[in-house]
Amino acid sequence: MELQERLNEVRSRIAAGEHEAGRPTGSVQLVAVSKTFEADAIRPAIEAGQRVFGENRVQESQGKWPDLKAEQPDIELHLIGPLQSNKAADAVALFDVIETVDREKIARALAEEMKRQGRTPRLYVQINTGLEPQKAGIAPDDTPAFVTLCREELGLSIDGLMCIPPAEENPGPHFALLAKLARKCGVEKLSMGMSGDYETAIAFGATSVRVGSAIFGAR
């Protein structure tokens, strides 16, 4: 299958998931995860009308996205991988959405850089719904206090929450937990669901799904 066919298949399944969940058509944003793929592999997706992309690493993104964004200025670029505080300046300069605000140090570094650069990428807080020690993210019980800190002390607008459920578990309860936390925090956006479970995520209220291999193929 060509990339455009795979992309259309994902779009169709998202639309079917929206319909099944009784949600409006177009209520779920597709974030095409292009990490590890070079610019030439990404251009066919742009040519097929895809405008929202996700990347894991700041440095890798700097090597391809400035040129791609210059060619297609309406692209929206999401950082969906872990962010180190020493990369905060680069992340604020390049990304339109940073989905992985996962600790106070990062929140403070982003607040400082956003003020310095006069640029305001939208921010999501990453939640470690499975409390996995090897995984980044705020513990569910700590989420309301962390969102309040970001908003009230640091002056950050928090638009959404994001999670990556444990690989070996049913993702449904994790998606349900994220939706519950979002309501509690007064947050509208829910980034959840990847190639293997994005239809489940839509049923639980995802506003964006992060799909890579189902579009670009195996890495």
N, C-alpha and C. Protein backbone atom coordinates (compact mmCIF):
# COMPACT_ATOMS: atom_id res chain seq x y z
N MET A 1 0.84 -1.20 0.00
CA MET A 1 0.00 0.00 0.00
C MET A 1 0.88 1.25 0.00
N GLU A 2 0.53 2.21 -0.81
CA GLU A 2 1.26 3.48 -0.84
C GLU A 2 0.90 4.31 0.39
N LEU A 3 1.77 5.27 0.70
CA LEU A 3 1.53 6.12 1.88
C LEU A 3 0.15 6.78 1.81
N GLN A 4 -0.22 7.32 0.66
CA GLN A 4 -1.51 8.01 0.57
C GLN A 4 -2.68 7.06 0.87
N GLU A 5 -2.57 5.81 0.42
CA GLU A 5 -3.62 4.83 0.71
C GLU A 5 -3.69 4.54 2.21
N ARG A 6 -2.52 4.39 2.83
CA ARG A 6 -2.50 4.12 4.27
C ARG A 6 -3.06 5.31 5.05
N LEU A 7 -2.71 6.51 4.60
CA LEU A 7 -3.21 7.72 5.25
C LEU A 7 -4.73 7.81 5.12
N ASN A 8 -5.24 7.52 3.93
CA ASN A 8 -6.70 7.56 3.72
C ASN A 8 -7.41 6.50 4.55
N GLU A 9 -6.77 5.33 4.71
CA GLU A 9 -7.35 4.27 5.54
C GLU A 9 -7.47 4.73 6.99
N VAL A 10 -6.42 5.37 7.51
CA VAL A 10 -6.45 5.88 8.89
C VAL A 10 -7.52 6.96 9.03
N ARG A 11 -7.58 7.86 8.07
CA ARG A 11 -8.61 8.92 8.11
C ARG A 11 -10.01 8.31 8.11
N SER A 12 -10.23 7.28 7.30
CA SER A 12 -11.55 6.63 7.24
C SER A 12 -11.90 5.98 8.57
N ARG A 13 -10.91 5.35 9.19
CA ARG A 13 -11.17 4.68 10.47
C ARG A 13 -11.41 5.70 11.58
N ILE A 14 -10.75 6.84 11.52
CA ILE A 14 -11.03 7.90 12.49
C ILE A 14 -12.46 8.39 12.30
N ALA A 15 -12.87 8.63 11.07
CA ALA A 15 -14.24 9.10 10.80
C ALA A 15 -15.27 8.08 11.26
N ALA A 16 -14.98 6.79 11.04
CA ALA A 16 -15.90 5.73 11.50
C ALA A 16 -15.96 5.71 13.02
N GLY A 17 -14.81 5.91 13.68
CA GLY A 17 -14.77 5.94 15.13
C GLY A 17 -15.56 7.11 15.70
N GLU A 18 -15.45 8.27 15.05
CA GLU A 18 -16.23 9.44 15.46
C GLU A 18 -17.72 9.15 15.35
N HIS A 19 -18.10 8.57 14.22
CA HIS A 19 -19.52 8.27 13.98
C HIS A 19 -20.05 7.28 15.02
N GLU A 20 -19.25 6.23 15.27
CA GLU A 20 -19.65 5.20 16.24
C GLU A 20 -19.81 5.76 17.65
N ALA A 21 -18.96 6.73 17.98
CA ALA A 21 -19.00 7.33 19.32
C ALA A 21 -20.02 8.47 19.40
N GLY A 22 -20.72 8.73 18.30
CA GLY A 22 -21.71 9.81 18.30
C GLY A 22 -21.06 11.19 18.38
N ARG A 23 -19.86 11.29 17.82
CA ARG A 23 -19.13 12.56 17.86
C ARG A 23 -19.14 13.22 16.49
N PRO A 24 -19.03 14.54 16.44
CA PRO A 24 -19.05 15.22 15.13
C PRO A 24 -17.87 14.81 14.25
N THR A 25 -18.12 14.76 12.95
CA THR A 25 -17.05 14.49 11.99
C THR A 25 -16.01 15.59 12.09
N GLY A 26 -14.74 15.20 12.17
CA GLY A 26 -13.67 16.18 12.26
C GLY A 26 -13.32 16.60 13.67
N SER A 27 -13.93 15.95 14.67
CA SER A 27 -13.65 16.33 16.06
C SER A 27 -12.36 15.72 16.59
N VAL A 28 -11.78 14.76 15.85
CA VAL A 28 -10.52 14.13 16.26
C VAL A 28 -9.42 14.50 15.27
N GLN A 29 -8.37 15.10 15.79
CA GLN A 29 -7.25 15.52 14.95
C GLN A 29 -6.26 14.37 14.79
N LEU A 30 -5.81 14.16 13.56
CA LEU A 30 -4.79 13.15 13.29
C LEU A 30 -3.41 13.79 13.35
N VAL A 31 -2.59 13.32 14.30
CA VAL A 31 -1.19 13.73 14.37
C VAL A 31 -0.37 12.61 13.73
N ALA A 32 0.18 12.88 12.56
CA ALA A 32 0.97 11.87 11.85
C ALA A 32 2.38 11.86 12.43
N VAL A 33 2.76 10.74 13.03
CA VAL A 33 4.05 10.68 13.75
C VAL A 33 5.16 10.31 12.76
N SER A 34 5.99 11.31 12.48
CA SER A 34 7.00 11.18 11.43
C SER A 34 8.40 10.98 11.98
N LYS A 35 8.52 10.66 13.27
CA LYS A 35 9.84 10.47 13.86
C LYS A 35 10.62 9.39 13.10
N THR A 36 11.90 9.61 12.97
CA THR A 36 12.88 8.76 12.27
C THR A 36 12.77 8.81 10.74
N PHE A 37 11.73 9.45 10.20
CA PHE A 37 11.60 9.53 8.75
C PHE A 37 12.19 10.83 8.23
N GLU A 38 12.88 10.74 7.10
CA GLU A 38 13.50 11.91 6.48
C GLU A 38 12.44 12.76 5.77
N ALA A 39 12.84 13.97 5.42
CA ALA A 39 11.92 14.91 4.77
C ALA A 39 11.28 14.33 3.51
N ASP A 40 12.07 13.60 2.73
CA ASP A 40 11.53 13.07 1.47
C ASP A 40 10.44 12.02 1.70
N ALA A 41 10.48 11.36 2.85
CA ALA A 41 9.44 10.38 3.17
C ALA A 41 8.19 11.06 3.73
N ILE A 42 8.35 12.28 4.23
CA ILE A 42 7.24 13.02 4.83
C ILE A 42 6.47 13.82 3.78
N ARG A 43 7.17 14.28 2.75
CA ARG A 43 6.53 15.14 1.74
C ARG A 43 5.28 14.52 1.11
N PRO A 44 5.25 13.20 0.80
CA PRO A 44 4.03 12.64 0.24
C PRO A 44 2.80 12.80 1.15
N ALA A 45 3.02 12.76 2.47
CA ALA A 45 1.90 12.97 3.39
C ALA A 45 1.42 14.42 3.33
N ILE A 46 2.38 15.34 3.22
CA ILE A 46 2.01 16.76 3.09
C ILE A 46 1.25 16.98 1.78
N GLU A 47 1.73 16.34 0.71
CA GLU A 47 1.06 16.47 -0.59
C GLU A 47 -0.35 15.89 -0.56
N ALA A 48 -0.57 14.90 0.33
CA ALA A 48 -1.90 14.29 0.47
C ALA A 48 -2.80 15.09 1.40
N GLY A 49 -2.31 16.26 1.84
CA GLY A 49 -3.15 17.15 2.64
C GLY A 49 -2.95 17.07 4.14
N GLN A 50 -2.04 16.21 4.61
CA GLN A 50 -1.80 16.13 6.05
C GLN A 50 -1.02 17.35 6.51
N ARG A 51 -1.47 17.97 7.59
CA ARG A 51 -0.82 19.20 8.06
C ARG A 51 -0.33 19.13 9.49
N VAL A 52 -0.70 18.09 10.23
CA VAL A 52 -0.32 18.00 11.64
C VAL A 52 0.60 16.80 11.82
N PHE A 53 1.79 17.05 12.37
CA PHE A 53 2.81 16.01 12.50
C PHE A 53 3.37 15.98 13.91
N GLY A 54 3.85 14.80 14.32
CA GLY A 54 4.44 14.63 15.65
C GLY A 54 5.85 14.11 15.55
N GLU A 55 6.72 14.65 16.39
CA GLU A 55 8.12 14.23 16.44
C GLU A 55 8.53 13.95 17.88
N ASN A 56 9.50 13.03 18.04
CA ASN A 56 9.95 12.64 19.38
C ASN A 56 11.14 13.43 19.89
N ARG A 57 11.99 13.87 18.97
CA ARG A 57 13.26 14.48 19.40
C ARG A 57 13.44 15.87 18.80
N VAL A 58 13.85 16.79 19.64
CA VAL A 58 14.05 18.17 19.19
C VAL A 58 15.15 18.23 18.13
N GLN A 59 16.29 17.60 18.40
CA GLN A 59 17.44 17.71 17.50
C GLN A 59 17.13 17.12 16.12
N GLU A 60 16.48 15.96 16.10
CA GLU A 60 16.11 15.35 14.82
C GLU A 60 15.17 16.26 14.04
N SER A 61 14.23 16.86 14.75
CA SER A 61 13.24 17.73 14.12
C SER A 61 13.88 18.97 13.49
N GLN A 62 14.92 19.48 14.16
CA GLN A 62 15.61 20.68 13.64
C GLN A 62 16.27 20.41 12.30
N GLY A 63 16.56 19.13 12.03
CA GLY A 63 17.24 18.79 10.79
C GLY A 63 16.33 18.75 9.58
N LYS A 64 15.01 18.70 9.80
CA LYS A 64 14.11 18.56 8.64
C LYS A 64 12.93 19.53 8.62
N TRP A 65 12.43 19.92 9.78
CA TRP A 65 11.18 20.67 9.79
C TRP A 65 11.28 22.15 9.44
N PRO A 66 12.36 22.87 9.73
CA PRO A 66 12.40 24.26 9.28
C PRO A 66 12.18 24.39 7.76
N ASP A 67 12.82 23.53 6.98
CA ASP A 67 12.64 23.57 5.52
C ASP A 67 11.23 23.15 5.11
N LEU A 68 10.73 22.08 5.74
CA LEU A 68 9.38 21.62 5.40
C LEU A 68 8.33 22.67 5.76
N LYS A 69 8.52 23.34 6.89
CA LYS A 69 7.56 24.38 7.29
C LYS A 69 7.66 25.60 6.37
N ALA A 70 8.87 25.86 5.88
CA ALA A 70 9.02 26.97 4.93
C ALA A 70 8.28 26.67 3.62
N GLU A 71 8.31 25.39 3.22
CA GLU A 71 7.61 24.98 2.00
C GLU A 71 6.09 25.00 2.19
N GLN A 72 5.64 24.66 3.41
CA GLN A 72 4.20 24.54 3.70
C GLN A 72 3.93 25.23 5.05
N PRO A 73 3.70 26.55 5.04
CA PRO A 73 3.65 27.31 6.29
C PRO A 73 2.51 26.96 7.25
N ASP A 74 1.47 26.26 6.77
CA ASP A 74 0.35 25.96 7.68
C ASP A 74 0.53 24.63 8.42
N ILE A 75 1.72 24.06 8.37
CA ILE A 75 1.99 22.83 9.13
C ILE A 75 1.97 23.13 10.63
N GLU A 76 1.41 22.19 11.39
CA GLU A 76 1.41 22.28 12.86
C GLU A 76 2.26 21.13 13.38
N LEU A 77 3.31 21.46 14.13
CA LEU A 77 4.26 20.46 14.59
C LEU A 77 4.15 20.24 16.09
N HIS A 78 3.97 18.97 16.48
CA HIS A 78 3.82 18.59 17.89
C HIS A 78 5.07 17.87 18.38
N LEU A 79 5.55 18.24 19.55
CA LEU A 79 6.59 17.46 20.23
C LEU A 79 5.89 16.44 21.11
N ILE A 80 6.11 15.15 20.82
CA ILE A 80 5.42 14.11 21.58
C ILE A 80 6.39 13.21 22.33
N GLY A 81 7.67 13.56 22.27
CA GLY A 81 8.68 12.81 23.00
C GLY A 81 9.22 13.61 24.17
N PRO A 82 10.03 12.99 25.02
CA PRO A 82 10.52 13.66 26.22
C PRO A 82 11.36 14.89 25.90
N LEU A 83 11.21 15.90 26.73
CA LEU A 83 11.93 17.17 26.54
C LEU A 83 12.90 17.38 27.70
N GLN A 84 14.15 17.66 27.36
CA GLN A 84 15.14 18.02 28.38
C GLN A 84 15.16 19.54 28.51
N SER A 85 15.42 20.01 29.73
CA SER A 85 15.35 21.45 29.98
C SER A 85 16.34 22.23 29.12
N ASN A 86 17.49 21.60 28.76
CA ASN A 86 18.47 22.32 27.94
C ASN A 86 18.04 22.43 26.48
N LYS A 87 16.93 21.78 26.13
CA LYS A 87 16.37 21.88 24.77
C LYS A 87 15.10 22.74 24.74
N ALA A 88 14.76 23.34 25.87
CA ALA A 88 13.51 24.11 25.95
C ALA A 88 13.49 25.26 24.95
N ALA A 89 14.60 25.97 24.81
CA ALA A 89 14.65 27.11 23.88
C ALA A 89 14.38 26.65 22.45
N ASP A 90 15.04 25.55 22.04
CA ASP A 90 14.86 25.03 20.69
C ASP A 90 13.43 24.53 20.47
N ALA A 91 12.86 23.91 21.50
CA ALA A 91 11.49 23.39 21.39
C ALA A 91 10.49 24.52 21.22
N VAL A 92 10.64 25.57 22.00
CA VAL A 92 9.73 26.72 21.92
C VAL A 92 9.84 27.38 20.54
N ALA A 93 11.06 27.43 20.00
CA ALA A 93 11.26 28.07 18.70
C ALA A 93 10.65 27.29 17.54
N LEU A 94 10.64 25.96 17.64
CA LEU A 94 10.25 25.13 16.50
C LEU A 94 8.83 24.57 16.57
N PHE A 95 8.39 24.16 17.75
CA PHE A 95 7.13 23.41 17.85
C PHE A 95 5.93 24.32 18.09
N ASP A 96 4.78 23.90 17.56
CA ASP A 96 3.53 24.63 17.77
C ASP A 96 2.77 24.09 18.98
N VAL A 97 2.99 22.81 19.30
CA VAL A 97 2.37 22.16 20.45
C VAL A 97 3.44 21.31 21.13
N ILE A 98 3.57 21.44 22.44
CA ILE A 98 4.49 20.60 23.22
C ILE A 98 3.63 19.74 24.14
N GLU A 99 3.59 18.43 23.87
CA GLU A 99 2.65 17.55 24.57
C GLU A 99 3.26 16.89 25.81
N THR A 100 4.53 17.15 26.09
CA THR A 100 5.23 16.35 27.10
C THR A 100 5.77 17.20 28.26
N VAL A 101 4.95 18.10 28.77
CA VAL A 101 5.31 18.83 29.99
C VAL A 101 5.10 17.84 31.13
N ASP A 102 6.21 17.36 31.72
CA ASP A 102 6.08 16.22 32.63
C ASP A 102 6.72 16.43 34.01
N ARG A 103 7.20 17.66 34.28
CA ARG A 103 7.75 17.95 35.60
C ARG A 103 7.92 19.45 35.74
N GLU A 104 8.08 19.87 36.99
CA GLU A 104 8.13 21.30 37.27
C GLU A 104 9.32 21.97 36.59
N LYS A 105 10.49 21.31 36.57
CA LYS A 105 11.68 21.90 35.95
C LYS A 105 11.43 22.26 34.49
N ILE A 106 10.76 21.37 33.76
CA ILE A 106 10.44 21.63 32.35
C ILE A 106 9.44 22.78 32.23
N ALA A 107 8.42 22.77 33.08
CA ALA A 107 7.41 23.84 33.04
C ALA A 107 8.06 25.20 33.26
N ARG A 108 8.98 25.27 34.20
CA ARG A 108 9.67 26.54 34.48
C ARG A 108 10.55 26.96 33.31
N ALA A 109 11.26 26.00 32.72
CA ALA A 109 12.12 26.32 31.58
C ALA A 109 11.29 26.81 30.39
N LEU A 110 10.14 26.19 30.16
CA LEU A 110 9.27 26.61 29.06
C LEU A 110 8.68 27.99 29.32
N ALA A 111 8.27 28.25 30.55
CA ALA A 111 7.71 29.56 30.89
C ALA A 111 8.74 30.67 30.62
N GLU A 112 9.97 30.40 31.00
CA GLU A 112 11.06 31.36 30.80
C GLU A 112 11.32 31.61 29.32
N GLU A 113 11.38 30.52 28.55
CA GLU A 113 11.67 30.63 27.12
C GLU A 113 10.53 31.29 26.34
N MET A 114 9.30 30.96 26.71
CA MET A 114 8.15 31.55 26.02
C MET A 114 8.12 33.06 26.24
N LYS A 115 8.46 33.47 27.45
CA LYS A 115 8.51 34.90 27.75
C LYS A 115 9.65 35.56 26.98
N ARG A 116 10.80 34.90 26.92
CA ARG A 116 11.97 35.46 26.25
C ARG A 116 11.77 35.57 24.74
N GLN A 117 11.16 34.53 24.16
CA GLN A 117 11.00 34.50 22.70
C GLN A 117 9.72 35.16 22.21
N GLY A 118 8.78 35.37 23.13
CA GLY A 118 7.49 35.91 22.71
C GLY A 118 6.70 34.95 21.84
N ARG A 119 6.97 33.68 22.06
CA ARG A 119 6.28 32.62 21.28
C ARG A 119 5.53 31.72 22.26
N THR A 120 4.31 31.34 21.92
CA THR A 120 3.49 30.58 22.88
C THR A 120 2.95 29.28 22.28
N PRO A 121 3.81 28.27 22.14
CA PRO A 121 3.28 26.96 21.73
C PRO A 121 2.25 26.47 22.75
N ARG A 122 1.26 25.75 22.27
CA ARG A 122 0.25 25.20 23.17
C ARG A 122 0.87 24.05 23.96
N LEU A 123 0.46 23.90 25.20
CA LEU A 123 1.10 22.94 26.10
C LEU A 123 0.12 21.88 26.60
N TYR A 124 0.57 20.63 26.62
CA TYR A 124 -0.16 19.52 27.22
C TYR A 124 0.71 18.95 28.34
N VAL A 125 0.06 18.47 29.37
CA VAL A 125 0.78 17.80 30.46
C VAL A 125 0.71 16.30 30.21
N GLN A 126 1.88 15.65 30.27
CA GLN A 126 1.93 14.20 30.11
C GLN A 126 1.66 13.52 31.44
N ILE A 127 0.71 12.58 31.45
CA ILE A 127 0.32 11.86 32.66
C ILE A 127 0.78 10.41 32.56
N ASN A 128 1.42 9.94 33.61
CA ASN A 128 1.88 8.55 33.68
C ASN A 128 0.75 7.72 34.31
N THR A 129 -0.25 7.39 33.47
CA THR A 129 -1.46 6.75 33.99
C THR A 129 -1.19 5.39 34.60
N GLY A 130 -0.12 4.71 34.13
CA GLY A 130 0.20 3.38 34.65
C GLY A 130 1.21 3.39 35.78
N LEU A 131 1.64 4.62 36.19
CA LEU A 131 2.66 4.77 37.24
C LEU A 131 3.88 3.89 36.96
N GLU A 132 4.30 3.88 35.69
CA GLU A 132 5.45 3.07 35.30
C GLU A 132 6.75 3.81 35.64
N PRO A 133 7.64 3.17 36.40
CA PRO A 133 8.85 3.87 36.84
C PRO A 133 9.76 4.32 35.71
N GLN A 134 9.73 3.61 34.57
CA GLN A 134 10.61 3.94 33.46
C GLN A 134 10.02 5.01 32.54
N LYS A 135 8.78 5.40 32.80
CA LYS A 135 8.09 6.30 31.88
C LYS A 135 7.92 7.69 32.50
N ALA A 136 8.06 8.71 31.66
CA ALA A 136 7.90 10.09 32.11
C ALA A 136 6.42 10.38 32.38
N GLY A 137 6.18 11.46 33.08
CA GLY A 137 4.80 11.89 33.29
C GLY A 137 4.47 12.16 34.75
N ILE A 138 3.45 12.97 34.93
CA ILE A 138 2.94 13.30 36.26
C ILE A 138 2.04 12.16 36.75
N ALA A 139 2.13 11.82 38.02
CA ALA A 139 1.24 10.80 38.58
C ALA A 139 -0.20 11.33 38.55
N PRO A 140 -1.17 10.48 38.29
CA PRO A 140 -2.56 10.94 38.21
C PRO A 140 -2.99 11.77 39.43
N ASP A 141 -2.66 11.31 40.63
CA ASP A 141 -3.09 12.03 41.84
C ASP A 141 -2.47 13.42 41.95
N ASP A 142 -1.32 13.61 41.30
CA ASP A 142 -0.62 14.90 41.38
C ASP A 142 -1.02 15.87 40.26
N THR A 143 -1.85 15.40 39.35
CA THR A 143 -2.16 16.19 38.16
C THR A 143 -2.86 17.52 38.46
N PRO A 144 -3.93 17.55 39.25
CA PRO A 144 -4.60 18.84 39.48
C PRO A 144 -3.67 19.89 40.08
N ALA A 145 -2.84 19.49 41.05
CA ALA A 145 -1.92 20.44 41.68
C ALA A 145 -0.88 20.93 40.69
N PHE A 146 -0.40 20.03 39.82
CA PHE A 146 0.61 20.42 38.84
C PHE A 146 0.03 21.39 37.81
N VAL A 147 -1.18 21.11 37.34
CA VAL A 147 -1.83 22.01 36.37
C VAL A 147 -2.05 23.38 37.01
N THR A 148 -2.45 23.40 38.27
CA THR A 148 -2.64 24.67 38.99
C THR A 148 -1.33 25.43 39.11
N LEU A 149 -0.25 24.73 39.44
CA LEU A 149 1.07 25.37 39.52
C LEU A 149 1.43 26.01 38.18
N CYS A 150 1.25 25.26 37.09
CA CYS A 150 1.58 25.78 35.76
C CYS A 150 0.78 27.04 35.45
N ARG A 151 -0.49 26.99 35.76
CA ARG A 151 -1.36 28.11 35.41
C ARG A 151 -1.15 29.32 36.32
N GLU A 152 -1.18 29.08 37.64
CA GLU A 152 -1.23 30.19 38.58
C GLU A 152 0.14 30.75 38.93
N GLU A 153 1.13 29.88 39.08
CA GLU A 153 2.45 30.37 39.46
C GLU A 153 3.30 30.74 38.25
N LEU A 154 3.20 29.92 37.20
CA LEU A 154 4.07 30.12 36.04
C LEU A 154 3.39 30.85 34.88
N GLY A 155 2.09 31.04 34.99
CA GLY A 155 1.36 31.78 33.95
C GLY A 155 1.25 31.04 32.63
N LEU A 156 1.30 29.70 32.70
CA LEU A 156 1.21 28.89 31.48
C LEU A 156 -0.24 28.48 31.23
N SER A 157 -0.64 28.53 30.00
CA SER A 157 -1.95 28.03 29.62
C SER A 157 -1.80 26.55 29.28
N ILE A 158 -2.50 25.69 30.00
CA ILE A 158 -2.45 24.25 29.74
C ILE A 158 -3.69 23.86 28.94
N ASP A 159 -3.47 23.45 27.70
CA ASP A 159 -4.58 23.15 26.80
C ASP A 159 -5.07 21.72 26.88
N GLY A 160 -4.15 20.79 27.25
CA GLY A 160 -4.54 19.38 27.17
C GLY A 160 -3.72 18.48 28.06
N LEU A 161 -4.12 17.22 28.08
CA LEU A 161 -3.40 16.15 28.76
C LEU A 161 -3.06 15.08 27.74
N MET A 162 -1.97 14.36 28.00
CA MET A 162 -1.51 13.32 27.09
C MET A 162 -1.09 12.09 27.90
N CYS A 163 -1.31 10.90 27.35
CA CYS A 163 -0.81 9.70 28.02
C CYS A 163 -0.39 8.64 27.02
N ILE A 164 0.46 7.73 27.50
CA ILE A 164 0.87 6.53 26.74
C ILE A 164 0.63 5.35 27.68
N PRO A 165 -0.46 4.61 27.52
CA PRO A 165 -0.75 3.51 28.44
C PRO A 165 0.32 2.43 28.40
N PRO A 166 0.45 1.64 29.46
CA PRO A 166 1.39 0.52 29.44
C PRO A 166 1.09 -0.41 28.26
N ALA A 167 2.14 -0.84 27.58
CA ALA A 167 1.99 -1.62 26.34
C ALA A 167 1.19 -2.90 26.52
N GLU A 168 1.33 -3.53 27.70
CA GLU A 168 0.72 -4.85 27.87
C GLU A 168 -0.67 -4.79 28.51
N GLU A 169 -1.18 -3.60 28.74
CA GLU A 169 -2.49 -3.47 29.40
C GLU A 169 -3.58 -3.00 28.45
N ASN A 170 -4.82 -3.29 28.81
CA ASN A 170 -5.97 -2.75 28.09
C ASN A 170 -5.92 -1.22 28.21
N PRO A 171 -5.87 -0.50 27.08
CA PRO A 171 -5.73 0.95 27.17
C PRO A 171 -6.97 1.68 27.65
N GLY A 172 -8.15 1.03 27.54
CA GLY A 172 -9.40 1.70 27.87
C GLY A 172 -9.43 2.39 29.23
N PRO A 173 -9.09 1.67 30.33
CA PRO A 173 -9.11 2.32 31.64
C PRO A 173 -8.15 3.50 31.75
N HIS A 174 -7.04 3.46 31.03
CA HIS A 174 -6.08 4.57 31.04
C HIS A 174 -6.67 5.78 30.31
N PHE A 175 -7.33 5.53 29.19
CA PHE A 175 -7.98 6.63 28.47
C PHE A 175 -9.11 7.23 29.31
N ALA A 176 -9.86 6.37 29.98
CA ALA A 176 -10.95 6.85 30.84
C ALA A 176 -10.41 7.72 31.97
N LEU A 177 -9.28 7.29 32.55
CA LEU A 177 -8.65 8.05 33.63
C LEU A 177 -8.20 9.42 33.13
N LEU A 178 -7.60 9.46 31.94
CA LEU A 178 -7.14 10.74 31.39
C LEU A 178 -8.32 11.69 31.16
N ALA A 179 -9.42 11.15 30.64
CA ALA A 179 -10.60 11.98 30.41
C ALA A 179 -11.16 12.53 31.73
N LYS A 180 -11.14 11.69 32.76
CA LYS A 180 -11.62 12.12 34.08
C LYS A 180 -10.74 13.24 34.65
N LEU A 181 -9.42 13.08 34.51
CA LEU A 181 -8.49 14.10 34.99
C LEU A 181 -8.66 15.41 34.23
N ALA A 182 -8.91 15.30 32.93
CA ALA A 182 -9.11 16.51 32.11
C ALA A 182 -10.33 17.29 32.59
N ARG A 183 -11.41 16.58 32.89
CA ARG A 183 -12.61 17.25 33.41
C ARG A 183 -12.31 17.92 34.73
N LYS A 184 -11.59 17.22 35.58
CA LYS A 184 -11.25 17.75 36.91
C LYS A 184 -10.40 19.02 36.81
N CYS A 185 -9.53 19.06 35.82
CA CYS A 185 -8.60 20.19 35.67
C CYS A 185 -9.14 21.28 34.75
N GLY A 186 -10.30 21.07 34.17
CA GLY A 186 -10.84 22.05 33.23
C GLY A 186 -10.01 22.16 31.97
N VAL A 187 -9.59 21.01 31.45
CA VAL A 187 -8.74 20.94 30.26
C VAL A 187 -9.55 20.30 29.14
N GLU A 188 -9.48 20.85 27.94
CA GLU A 188 -10.33 20.38 26.84
C GLU A 188 -9.71 19.32 25.94
N LYS A 189 -8.40 19.37 25.75
CA LYS A 189 -7.76 18.51 24.75
C LYS A 189 -7.23 17.23 25.38
N LEU A 190 -7.42 16.13 24.68
CA LEU A 190 -6.95 14.81 25.13
C LEU A 190 -6.16 14.15 24.01
N SER A 191 -4.84 14.06 24.18
CA SER A 191 -3.99 13.39 23.20
C SER A 191 -3.77 11.97 23.68
N MET A 192 -4.42 11.03 23.02
CA MET A 192 -4.30 9.63 23.45
C MET A 192 -4.68 8.73 22.29
N GLY A 193 -4.00 7.58 22.24
CA GLY A 193 -4.23 6.63 21.16
C GLY A 193 -3.12 6.69 20.12
N MET A 194 -2.59 5.50 19.77
CA MET A 194 -1.55 5.39 18.75
C MET A 194 -2.00 4.36 17.71
N SER A 195 -1.10 3.91 16.86
CA SER A 195 -1.50 3.06 15.73
C SER A 195 -2.33 1.85 16.16
N GLY A 196 -2.00 1.25 17.31
CA GLY A 196 -2.69 0.03 17.72
C GLY A 196 -3.99 0.22 18.48
N ASP A 197 -4.25 1.45 18.95
CA ASP A 197 -5.43 1.61 19.82
C ASP A 197 -6.17 2.94 19.63
N TYR A 198 -5.94 3.61 18.50
CA TYR A 198 -6.54 4.95 18.36
C TYR A 198 -8.06 4.91 18.26
N GLU A 199 -8.62 3.81 17.76
CA GLU A 199 -10.08 3.74 17.69
C GLU A 199 -10.69 3.63 19.09
N THR A 200 -10.02 2.90 19.97
CA THR A 200 -10.45 2.83 21.37
C THR A 200 -10.36 4.21 22.00
N ALA A 201 -9.28 4.92 21.73
CA ALA A 201 -9.10 6.27 22.29
C ALA A 201 -10.21 7.22 21.86
N ILE A 202 -10.63 7.11 20.61
CA ILE A 202 -11.72 7.97 20.11
C ILE A 202 -12.99 7.70 20.90
N ALA A 203 -13.26 6.43 21.18
CA ALA A 203 -14.46 6.07 21.96
C ALA A 203 -14.43 6.68 23.36
N PHE A 204 -13.22 6.91 23.89
CA PHE A 204 -13.07 7.47 25.24
C PHE A 204 -12.88 8.99 25.24
N GLY A 205 -12.98 9.61 24.06
CA GLY A 205 -12.98 11.07 24.04
C GLY A 205 -11.71 11.74 23.53
N ALA A 206 -10.79 10.99 22.91
CA ALA A 206 -9.58 11.62 22.38
C ALA A 206 -9.94 12.77 21.44
N THR A 207 -9.22 13.88 21.57
CA THR A 207 -9.37 14.97 20.60
C THR A 207 -8.25 14.93 19.57
N SER A 208 -7.17 14.19 19.88
CA SER A 208 -6.14 13.93 18.87
C SER A 208 -5.56 12.55 19.09
N VAL A 209 -5.17 11.91 17.99
CA VAL A 209 -4.55 10.59 18.05
C VAL A 209 -3.20 10.68 17.34
N ARG A 210 -2.22 9.94 17.86
CA ARG A 210 -0.85 10.01 17.35
C ARG A 210 -0.55 8.72 16.59
N VAL A 211 -0.58 8.78 15.27
CA VAL A 211 -0.47 7.57 14.45
C VAL A 211 0.76 7.67 13.55
N GLY A 212 1.67 6.70 13.70
CA GLY A 212 2.89 6.72 12.92
C GLY A 212 3.02 5.56 11.96
N SER A 213 3.22 4.35 12.50
CA SER A 213 3.52 3.19 11.65
C SER A 213 2.37 2.83 10.72
N ALA A 214 1.11 3.09 11.12
CA ALA A 214 -0.02 2.78 10.24
C ALA A 214 -0.05 3.70 9.02
N ILE A 215 0.70 4.81 9.07
CA ILE A 215 0.78 5.74 7.94
C ILE A 215 2.10 5.57 7.19
N PHE A 216 3.20 5.64 7.94
CA PHE A 216 4.53 5.67 7.31
C PHE A 216 5.13 4.29 7.12
N GLY A 217 4.54 3.27 7.76
CA GLY A 217 5.10 1.93 7.68
C GLY A 217 6.10 1.68 8.80
N ALA A 218 6.68 0.50 8.81
CA ALA A 218 7.60 0.13 9.88
C ALA A 218 8.86 0.99 9.84
N ARG A 219 9.37 1.28 11.03
CA ARG A 219 10.60 2.10 11.10
C ARG A 219 11.81 1.21 10.94
